[in-house]
């Protein structure tokens, strides 16, 4: 594995695990693998990173105050009626990233950078709550979200009203650096070298993971490269029927998605001592990560 470039290094970065949105799809355990009732529970797992010299860094944003303000407006200007119904989204002000950051004693202006796995409505909804932050995303993802949204899935997943007021975008192409065998982008503009974008296309064309080098190894926020804990940390894939169907519905390239997922699964077994992997929506993973447990 290549060494992170030299120079000044961040030390003692503190990572907070935040749930910035709860979905309760009808089907219970058919989605989350554990609920006993009619509805399940999925999270929007985001990261807040305290750095020494670069301010706060937010990884994904979940939903935002404008989403919460009019949750029952039909049609909702920011989230489609179809997605609200399919996921049974619970829009709560206290779960927005900005309110949780304020509860930690910070201000919105302290968030200087947002690094996105992708621009789906449940990952990019909170961008406009942090209008002064630089937004880092893969160029392919930005192009997909800002271009023509033809087709059912594109119209539902990308919601330009969530980010059309922003102009501080930093976009990247996979530059050929290697990180555990994946293409990665190092030296993100204005960020420490311990934070990387890792290309993981398949769910969307510009989907990426966000890797953070910690004092004990690496944490990879894999976004929607997988959805269920049973898809990692074991030799064979196990996924609930509901989440398997959702992944199939939202994918743009099945072969790439499954290949990247399989490669991550192998890493999660073979390199577990130095690499911790989490996804965006599994509640059990989120609870263990927030409790400081290795997955």
Protein backbone atom coordinates (compact mmCIF):
# COMPACT_ATOMS: atom_id res chain seq x y z
CA UNK A 1 0.00 0.00 0.00
CA UNK A 2 1.46 3.40 -0.94
CA UNK A 3 2.56 5.67 1.85
CA UNK A 4 0.59 8.85 2.41
CA UNK A 5 2.63 11.78 0.97
CA UNK A 6 5.02 13.47 3.35
CA UNK A 7 4.90 16.96 4.74
CA UNK A 8 2.93 18.35 7.62
CA UNK A 9 0.58 15.77 9.05
CA UNK A 10 -2.61 16.13 11.02
CA UNK A 11 -2.50 14.49 14.42
CA UNK A 12 -5.23 13.39 16.80
CA UNK A 13 -8.14 13.95 14.46
CA UNK A 14 -11.36 13.21 16.31
CA UNK A 15 -14.19 11.49 14.43
CA UNK A 16 -17.85 11.74 15.44
CA UNK A 17 -20.41 9.32 14.01
CA UNK A 18 -23.73 11.08 13.32
CA UNK A 19 -27.09 9.73 12.17
CA UNK A 20 -28.38 12.54 9.97
CA UNK A 21 -31.65 10.94 8.91
CA UNK A 22 -33.85 7.96 9.75
CA UNK A 23 -35.81 5.88 7.24
CA UNK A 24 -38.44 3.40 8.39
CA UNK A 25 -39.41 1.34 5.31
CA UNK A 26 -42.40 -0.95 5.46
CA UNK A 27 -41.08 -4.48 5.73
CA UNK A 28 -39.24 -4.42 9.03
CA UNK A 29 -36.58 -7.13 9.17
CA UNK A 30 -36.83 -7.60 5.39
CA UNK A 31 -34.82 -4.37 5.28
CA UNK A 32 -32.76 -4.03 8.44
CA UNK A 33 -32.52 -7.70 9.44
CA UNK A 34 -33.60 -7.18 13.03
CA UNK A 35 -36.83 -5.20 13.51
CA UNK A 36 -39.77 -7.14 14.96
CA UNK A 37 -42.52 -4.79 13.79
CA UNK A 38 -43.95 -3.70 10.47
CA UNK A 39 -41.36 -0.98 9.85
CA UNK A 40 -37.59 -1.20 9.73
CA UNK A 41 -34.99 1.36 10.66
CA UNK A 42 -32.18 2.61 8.44
CA UNK A 43 -29.80 5.47 9.22
CA UNK A 44 -27.91 8.12 7.27
CA UNK A 45 -24.45 7.54 8.74
CA UNK A 46 -22.31 10.66 8.40
CA UNK A 47 -18.91 11.55 9.88
CA UNK A 48 -17.79 14.77 11.52
CA UNK A 49 -14.01 15.11 11.67
CA UNK A 50 -12.28 17.61 13.95
CA UNK A 51 -8.92 18.59 12.47
CA UNK A 52 -6.19 20.74 13.96
CA UNK A 53 -5.65 23.14 11.06
CA UNK A 54 -8.50 22.59 8.60
CA UNK A 55 -11.59 23.18 10.70
CA UNK A 56 -14.44 20.69 10.77
CA UNK A 57 -14.86 18.24 7.90
CA UNK A 58 -18.25 16.65 7.27
CA UNK A 59 -18.53 13.39 5.32
CA UNK A 60 -22.00 13.30 3.72
CA UNK A 61 -24.82 15.41 5.16
CA UNK A 62 -28.10 13.47 5.36
CA UNK A 63 -31.21 15.68 5.31
CA UNK A 64 -31.33 19.38 6.20
CA UNK A 65 -33.48 22.04 7.80
CA UNK A 66 -35.32 22.80 4.55
CA UNK A 67 -36.24 19.12 4.22
CA UNK A 68 -37.60 19.13 7.77
CA UNK A 69 -39.42 22.47 7.37
CA UNK A 70 -42.13 21.11 5.05
CA UNK A 71 -41.99 17.32 5.31
CA UNK A 72 -45.57 16.78 4.09
CA UNK A 73 -45.70 19.27 1.23
CA UNK A 74 -46.92 17.56 -1.93
CA UNK A 75 -45.00 17.50 -4.10
CA UNK A 76 -42.07 18.02 -1.75
CA UNK A 77 -39.68 20.46 -3.45
CA UNK A 78 -36.55 18.60 -2.36
CA UNK A 79 -37.46 14.91 -1.95
CA UNK A 80 -39.87 13.17 -4.30
CA UNK A 81 -43.13 11.69 -3.09
CA UNK A 82 -42.02 8.29 -4.36
CA UNK A 83 -38.85 8.24 -2.27
CA UNK A 84 -40.58 9.55 0.83
CA UNK A 85 -43.13 6.77 0.52
CA UNK A 86 -40.73 3.97 -0.38
CA UNK A 87 -38.33 4.73 2.48
CA UNK A 88 -40.93 6.10 4.90
CA UNK A 89 -38.54 8.94 5.73
CA UNK A 90 -38.78 10.48 9.21
CA UNK A 91 -37.62 14.08 8.95
CA UNK A 92 -36.48 15.30 12.37
CA UNK A 93 -34.79 18.59 13.07
CA UNK A 94 -32.64 17.19 15.86
CA UNK A 95 -31.14 14.66 13.43
CA UNK A 96 -29.94 17.24 10.93
CA UNK A 97 -26.18 17.60 10.77
CA UNK A 98 -26.31 21.29 11.65
CA UNK A 99 -28.29 20.72 14.85
CA UNK A 100 -26.01 17.88 15.95
CA UNK A 101 -22.93 19.98 15.24
CA UNK A 102 -24.41 22.83 17.27
CA UNK A 103 -25.12 20.38 20.10
CA UNK A 104 -21.40 19.58 20.14
CA UNK A 105 -20.66 23.27 20.71
CA UNK A 106 -19.73 24.25 17.15
CA UNK A 107 -21.26 26.57 14.57
CA UNK A 108 -22.16 26.01 10.92
CA UNK A 109 -19.26 28.29 9.94
CA UNK A 110 -16.83 25.89 11.64
CA UNK A 111 -17.58 23.32 8.91
CA UNK A 112 -15.04 24.33 6.29
CA UNK A 113 -15.17 21.21 4.11
CA UNK A 114 -17.79 18.64 3.09
CA UNK A 115 -16.62 15.45 1.38
CA UNK A 116 -19.39 13.54 -0.40
CA UNK A 117 -19.60 9.88 -1.29
CA UNK A 118 -22.18 10.91 -3.91
CA UNK A 119 -25.01 13.37 -4.51
CA UNK A 120 -28.11 11.27 -3.82
CA UNK A 121 -30.80 13.22 -1.96
CA UNK A 122 -30.15 11.45 1.37
CA UNK A 123 -26.41 12.14 1.24
CA UNK A 124 -26.38 15.72 -0.09
CA UNK A 125 -29.58 17.10 1.42
CA UNK A 126 -27.79 19.07 4.13
CA UNK A 127 -25.34 20.94 1.91
CA UNK A 128 -27.14 24.29 2.01
CA UNK A 129 -27.05 24.33 5.82
CA UNK A 130 -23.29 24.96 5.38
CA UNK A 131 -23.11 27.56 2.59
CA UNK A 132 -19.49 28.56 3.29
CA UNK A 133 -18.02 25.06 3.14
CA UNK A 134 -16.03 23.75 0.18
CA UNK A 135 -17.80 20.70 -1.26
CA UNK A 136 -15.55 17.89 -2.51
CA UNK A 137 -16.96 15.29 -4.91
CA UNK A 138 -15.87 13.20 -7.88
CA UNK A 139 -16.20 14.98 -11.24
CA UNK A 140 -18.28 12.15 -12.72
CA UNK A 141 -20.74 12.48 -9.86
CA UNK A 142 -21.05 16.24 -10.26
CA UNK A 143 -21.60 15.84 -13.99
CA UNK A 144 -24.28 13.18 -13.47
CA UNK A 145 -26.15 15.26 -10.92
CA UNK A 146 -25.92 18.58 -12.77
CA UNK A 147 -26.66 17.22 -16.24
CA UNK A 148 -29.98 16.09 -17.76
CA UNK A 149 -31.88 13.86 -15.34
CA UNK A 150 -33.55 11.52 -17.79
CA UNK A 151 -35.25 8.45 -16.42
CA UNK A 152 -37.11 7.53 -13.27
CA UNK A 153 -34.12 6.82 -11.04
CA UNK A 154 -32.17 9.96 -11.97
CA UNK A 155 -35.19 12.19 -11.33
CA UNK A 156 -35.68 10.65 -7.90
CA UNK A 157 -32.08 10.37 -6.71
CA UNK A 158 -30.66 13.77 -7.73
CA UNK A 159 -32.52 16.82 -6.40
CA UNK A 160 -30.84 20.02 -7.64
CA UNK A 161 -32.89 22.16 -5.25
CA UNK A 162 -30.75 20.71 -2.45
CA UNK A 163 -27.54 22.27 -3.77
CA UNK A 164 -28.29 24.77 -6.56
CA UNK A 165 -27.36 27.70 -4.30
CA UNK A 166 -23.80 26.46 -3.82
CA UNK A 167 -20.79 27.58 -5.85
CA UNK A 168 -17.76 26.35 -3.88
CA UNK A 169 -17.34 22.97 -5.57
CA UNK A 170 -14.06 21.03 -5.72
CA UNK A 171 -14.26 18.16 -8.23
CA UNK A 172 -11.82 15.35 -8.91
CA UNK A 173 -11.04 12.57 -11.35
CA UNK A 174 -9.50 9.30 -10.21
CA UNK A 175 -5.82 10.14 -10.57
CA UNK A 176 -4.27 6.68 -10.58
CA UNK A 177 -3.00 6.67 -7.00
CA UNK A 178 -3.57 3.32 -5.32
CA UNK A 179 -5.18 2.70 -1.95
CA UNK A 180 -5.53 -0.97 -1.02
CA UNK A 181 -5.79 -1.68 -4.76
CA UNK A 182 -8.40 1.00 -5.52
CA UNK A 183 -7.95 4.22 -7.48
CA UNK A 184 -7.87 7.10 -5.02
CA UNK A 185 -7.61 10.88 -4.95
CA UNK A 186 -5.05 12.23 -2.50
CA UNK A 187 -4.31 15.83 -1.60
CA UNK A 188 -7.89 17.04 -1.69
CA UNK A 189 -7.84 20.83 -2.00
CA UNK A 190 -7.43 22.37 1.45
CA UNK A 191 -7.64 19.05 3.32
CA UNK A 192 -4.98 17.04 5.15
CA UNK A 193 -3.42 14.07 3.30
CA UNK A 194 -5.05 11.69 5.78
CA UNK A 195 -8.44 12.18 4.05
CA UNK A 196 -8.86 10.52 0.63
CA UNK A 197 -11.58 9.94 -1.97
CA UNK A 198 -11.64 6.31 -3.13
CA UNK A 199 -13.37 5.57 -6.44
CA UNK A 200 -16.18 3.01 -5.96
CA UNK A 201 -18.46 3.40 -8.99
CA UNK A 202 -21.50 1.25 -9.60
CA UNK A 203 -24.20 2.67 -7.34
CA UNK A 204 -23.67 5.91 -9.26
CA UNK A 205 -21.09 6.72 -11.93
CA UNK A 206 -19.11 8.97 -9.58
CA UNK A 207 -19.70 7.14 -6.32
CA UNK A 208 -16.70 7.16 -3.95
CA UNK A 209 -15.71 6.11 -0.49
CA UNK A 210 -14.02 8.48 1.95
CA UNK A 211 -10.96 7.08 3.72
CA UNK A 212 -9.54 8.64 6.88
CA UNK A 213 -6.20 7.64 8.33
CA UNK A 214 -6.52 7.42 12.10
CA UNK A 215 -4.00 6.70 14.81
CA UNK A 216 -4.74 2.98 14.58
CA UNK A 217 -5.27 2.44 10.86
CA UNK A 218 -7.87 3.44 8.29
CA UNK A 219 -11.59 4.13 8.49
CA UNK A 220 -13.43 3.84 5.17
CA UNK A 221 -16.89 5.35 4.85
CA UNK A 222 -18.02 3.28 1.87
CA UNK A 223 -21.23 5.23 1.27
CA UNK A 224 -23.67 3.07 -0.70
CA UNK A 225 -21.08 0.62 -2.03
CA UNK A 226 -22.99 -1.80 0.19
CA UNK A 227 -26.04 -1.45 2.44
CA UNK A 228 -26.06 -4.33 4.91
CA UNK A 229 -23.57 -5.52 7.51
CA UNK A 230 -23.75 -9.09 6.16
CA UNK A 231 -22.14 -7.92 2.94
CA UNK A 232 -18.83 -7.35 4.74
CA UNK A 233 -16.55 -9.15 7.22
CA UNK A 234 -17.35 -12.66 5.99
CA UNK A 235 -16.42 -14.74 2.99
CA UNK A 236 -19.83 -14.75 1.30
CA UNK A 237 -22.36 -11.97 0.83
CA UNK A 238 -25.55 -11.96 2.86
CA UNK A 239 -28.14 -9.20 2.36
CA UNK A 240 -31.79 -8.73 3.27
CA UNK A 241 -34.32 -8.96 0.41
CA UNK A 242 -35.42 -5.33 0.79
CA UNK A 243 -31.94 -3.85 0.64
CA UNK A 244 -30.87 -6.20 -2.15
CA UNK A 245 -33.84 -5.00 -4.23
CA UNK A 246 -33.10 -1.35 -3.43
CA UNK A 247 -29.47 -1.69 -4.47
CA UNK A 248 -30.52 -3.30 -7.74
CA UNK A 249 -33.04 -0.52 -8.42
CA UNK A 250 -30.57 2.32 -7.81
CA UNK A 251 -27.43 0.92 -9.49
CA UNK A 252 -26.06 2.30 -12.76
CA UNK A 253 -23.51 -0.47 -13.37
CA UNK A 254 -24.19 -3.81 -11.70
CA UNK A 255 -20.90 -5.42 -12.68
CA UNK A 256 -18.84 -2.52 -11.28
CA UNK A 257 -20.95 -2.33 -8.12
CA UNK A 258 -20.67 -6.03 -7.33
CA UNK A 259 -16.97 -6.13 -8.22
CA UNK A 260 -16.16 -3.20 -5.92
CA UNK A 261 -18.31 -4.69 -3.20
CA UNK A 262 -16.53 -8.05 -3.49
CA UNK A 263 -13.12 -6.36 -3.32
CA UNK A 264 -14.18 -4.46 -0.21
CA UNK A 265 -15.51 -7.67 1.32
CA UNK A 266 -12.15 -9.37 0.81
CA UNK A 267 -10.34 -6.41 2.39
CA UNK A 268 -12.73 -6.41 5.34
CA UNK A 269 -11.67 -9.99 6.08
CA UNK A 270 -7.99 -9.95 5.11
CA UNK A 271 -7.01 -6.49 6.39
CA UNK A 272 -9.40 -6.13 9.33
CA UNK A 273 -6.63 -5.11 11.75
CA UNK A 274 -5.74 -2.00 9.76
CA UNK A 275 -8.98 -1.18 7.92
CA UNK A 276 -12.42 -0.53 9.37
CA UNK A 277 -15.28 -0.25 6.84
CA UNK A 278 -18.73 1.25 7.41
CA UNK A 279 -21.58 1.95 5.02
CA UNK A 280 -24.15 4.72 5.05
CA UNK A 281 -27.37 3.02 6.10
CA UNK A 282 -26.88 -0.02 8.34
CA UNK A 283 -28.10 0.81 11.88
CA UNK A 284 -26.14 -1.94 13.63
CA UNK A 285 -22.86 -0.78 12.07
CA UNK A 286 -23.66 2.79 13.04
CA UNK A 287 -24.39 1.88 16.66
CA UNK A 288 -21.17 -0.09 17.01
CA UNK A 289 -19.09 2.64 15.36
CA UNK A 290 -20.60 5.33 17.58
CA UNK A 291 -19.83 3.18 20.62
CA UNK A 292 -16.19 2.98 19.52
CA UNK A 293 -16.29 -0.73 18.75
CA UNK A 294 -14.26 -2.20 15.94
CA UNK A 295 -16.51 -3.76 13.34
